[in-house]
Amino acid sequence: NDKNGINGLECEIVGLGGKAGDIWNGRKGHIEEYLKSDGRYAILIDTQRVKVRKENFRICDESATAPASSIATTPSIRDRLPVIKRIPINATVIGIGNIGGGMARALLRSPAIGTVTGYDMTKGLVSEFHKEAAKVGKTA
């Protein structure tokens, strides 16, 4: 819903009070849509969607006009996922036998996981796990 043709424009949050003001005032984002049921605008700031009234944001460039298709220029969650994946997650699995081994191998295949540490009392399971990690280019 593009009320006033401003979807996709950059804006700055202003005039919020309390904790919300401490968090959001001065932050910039892009207008996603007008939410008629709430009487507020959805503003995308980084990866968070904030709902604010018209008086609580200002458009950064008054001479700007909304793009013909603001949906195409507003990043979708799928477009934002690579940003999230850049932060490597390290995982530890204690017991890499039948159950834990399956979980540890699934973690090895995940692009979001940087390092998987596997512990087990059986040395053979540990050495096999290290070989599988090396095959997928991960540290174990």
Protein backbone atom coordinates (compact mmCIF):
# COMPACT_ATOMS: atom_id res chain seq x y z
CA ASN A 1 0.00 0.00 0.00
CA ASP A 2 1.70 3.19 -1.20
CA LYS A 3 -0.10 6.13 0.37
CA ASN A 4 1.21 9.44 -1.07
CA GLY A 5 3.69 7.66 -3.39
CA ILE A 6 6.52 7.55 -0.87
CA ASN A 7 7.29 3.82 -0.63
CA GLY A 8 10.99 3.13 -1.08
CA LEU A 9 12.14 6.61 -0.04
CA GLU A 10 14.81 7.06 2.61
CA CYS A 11 13.60 8.59 5.85
CA GLU A 12 14.80 9.39 9.37
CA ILE A 13 12.91 8.57 12.55
CA VAL A 14 12.19 11.66 14.69
CA GLY A 15 10.10 12.68 17.68
CA LEU A 16 9.57 9.32 19.38
CA GLY A 17 9.46 9.45 23.17
CA GLY A 18 10.62 7.09 25.89
CA LYS A 19 12.67 3.95 25.21
CA ALA A 20 11.53 3.83 21.59
CA GLY A 21 12.93 7.33 21.07
CA ASP A 22 16.25 6.33 22.64
CA ILE A 23 16.50 3.40 20.24
CA TRP A 24 15.09 4.78 16.97
CA ASN A 25 15.35 8.60 16.85
CA GLY A 26 18.00 9.64 14.33
CA ARG A 27 18.13 6.23 12.62
CA LYS A 28 17.56 6.09 8.87
CA GLY A 29 15.65 3.52 6.87
CA HIS A 30 13.32 3.08 3.89
CA ILE A 31 9.56 3.35 3.81
CA GLU A 32 8.08 -0.06 2.99
CA GLU A 33 4.35 0.63 3.06
CA TYR A 34 1.45 2.40 4.70
CA LEU A 35 -0.43 0.13 7.08
CA LYS A 36 -4.01 1.36 6.83
CA SER A 37 -5.24 -0.85 9.70
CA ASP A 38 -2.64 0.69 12.07
CA GLY A 39 -2.61 4.20 10.62
CA ARG A 40 1.18 3.92 10.56
CA TYR A 41 4.01 3.47 8.11
CA ALA A 42 6.30 0.45 8.10
CA ILE A 43 9.92 1.62 7.97
CA LEU A 44 12.74 -0.87 7.30
CA ILE A 45 15.82 0.01 9.38
CA ASP A 46 18.68 -2.45 8.86
CA THR A 47 16.76 -5.73 9.16
CA GLN A 48 14.04 -4.52 11.52
CA ARG A 49 10.58 -3.28 10.59
CA VAL A 50 9.40 -0.31 12.68
CA LYS A 51 5.82 1.04 12.61
CA VAL A 52 5.56 4.81 13.08
CA ARG A 53 3.06 7.63 12.49
CA LYS A 54 3.67 10.18 9.73
CA GLU A 55 4.77 12.80 12.29
CA ASN A 56 7.53 10.47 13.52
CA PHE A 57 9.60 10.35 10.35
CA ARG A 58 10.90 12.79 7.81
CA ILE A 59 11.87 12.04 4.24
CA CYS A 60 15.60 12.61 3.84
CA ASP A 61 15.53 14.03 0.30
CA GLU A 62 12.40 16.09 -0.36
CA SER A 63 13.22 16.29 -4.09
CA ALA A 64 13.23 12.51 -4.39
CA THR A 65 10.30 10.70 -5.86
CA ALA A 66 9.30 7.15 -5.17
CA PRO A 67 10.53 4.62 -7.73
CA ALA A 68 7.99 3.30 -10.22
CA SER A 69 8.11 -0.08 -8.52
CA SER A 70 9.12 0.40 -4.90
CA ILE A 71 8.53 -3.27 -4.26
CA ALA A 72 11.44 -4.10 -6.56
CA THR A 73 13.77 -1.63 -4.78
CA THR A 74 12.80 -2.59 -1.24
CA PRO A 75 15.07 -5.47 -0.19
CA SER A 76 13.24 -8.67 0.60
CA ILE A 77 14.20 -10.95 3.48
CA ARG A 78 15.86 -13.26 0.94
CA ASP A 79 18.06 -10.36 -0.24
CA ARG A 80 19.06 -9.58 3.33
CA LEU A 81 20.04 -13.17 4.25
CA PRO A 82 23.58 -13.02 2.80
CA VAL A 83 24.32 -10.20 5.25
CA ILE A 84 23.26 -12.43 8.11
CA LYS A 85 25.31 -15.38 6.79
CA ARG A 86 28.56 -13.38 6.85
CA ILE A 87 28.77 -13.72 10.62
CA PRO A 88 30.21 -17.20 11.21
CA ILE A 89 28.56 -19.26 13.90
CA ASN A 90 30.59 -21.79 15.83
CA ALA A 91 28.85 -24.93 17.09
CA THR A 92 29.84 -27.68 19.50
CA VAL A 93 28.32 -31.17 19.54
CA ILE A 94 29.08 -33.46 22.46
CA GLY A 95 28.65 -37.06 21.43
CA ILE A 96 28.97 -37.59 17.69
CA GLY A 97 27.58 -41.12 17.51
CA ASN A 98 24.24 -42.02 15.87
CA ILE A 99 22.22 -38.99 16.96
CA GLY A 100 24.82 -36.30 17.61
CA GLY A 101 26.80 -37.32 14.52
CA GLY A 102 23.84 -36.61 12.26
CA MET A 103 23.37 -33.19 13.81
CA ALA A 104 27.09 -32.43 13.57
CA ARG A 105 27.18 -33.43 9.88
CA ALA A 106 24.16 -31.23 9.14
CA LEU A 107 25.97 -28.34 10.80
CA LEU A 108 29.04 -29.02 8.64
CA ARG A 109 26.90 -28.64 5.49
CA SER A 110 25.34 -25.36 6.64
CA PRO A 111 26.80 -22.21 5.04
CA ALA A 112 26.02 -20.21 8.21
CA ILE A 113 28.31 -22.36 10.38
CA GLY A 114 32.04 -21.60 10.45
CA THR A 115 33.43 -24.20 12.84
CA VAL A 116 31.92 -27.37 14.26
CA THR A 117 33.61 -28.92 17.30
CA GLY A 118 32.70 -32.55 17.90
CA TYR A 119 33.51 -34.43 21.10
CA ASP A 120 33.21 -38.16 21.63
CA MET A 121 34.88 -40.80 23.78
CA THR A 122 35.43 -42.99 20.71
CA LYS A 123 38.55 -41.83 18.87
CA GLY A 124 37.45 -43.46 15.61
CA LEU A 125 34.29 -41.32 15.47
CA VAL A 126 36.33 -38.17 16.07
CA SER A 127 38.88 -38.94 13.33
CA GLU A 128 36.07 -39.82 10.87
CA PHE A 129 34.34 -36.54 11.73
CA HIS A 130 37.56 -34.62 11.04
CA LYS A 131 37.83 -36.28 7.61
CA GLU A 132 34.23 -35.34 6.75
CA ALA A 133 34.84 -31.76 7.86
CA ALA A 134 37.90 -31.53 5.62
CA LYS A 135 35.84 -32.76 2.63
CA VAL A 136 33.44 -29.83 2.97
CA GLY A 137 36.22 -27.35 3.75
CA LYS A 138 35.27 -26.74 7.38
CA THR A 139 37.29 -26.77 10.57
CA ALA A 140 36.34 -29.46 13.07
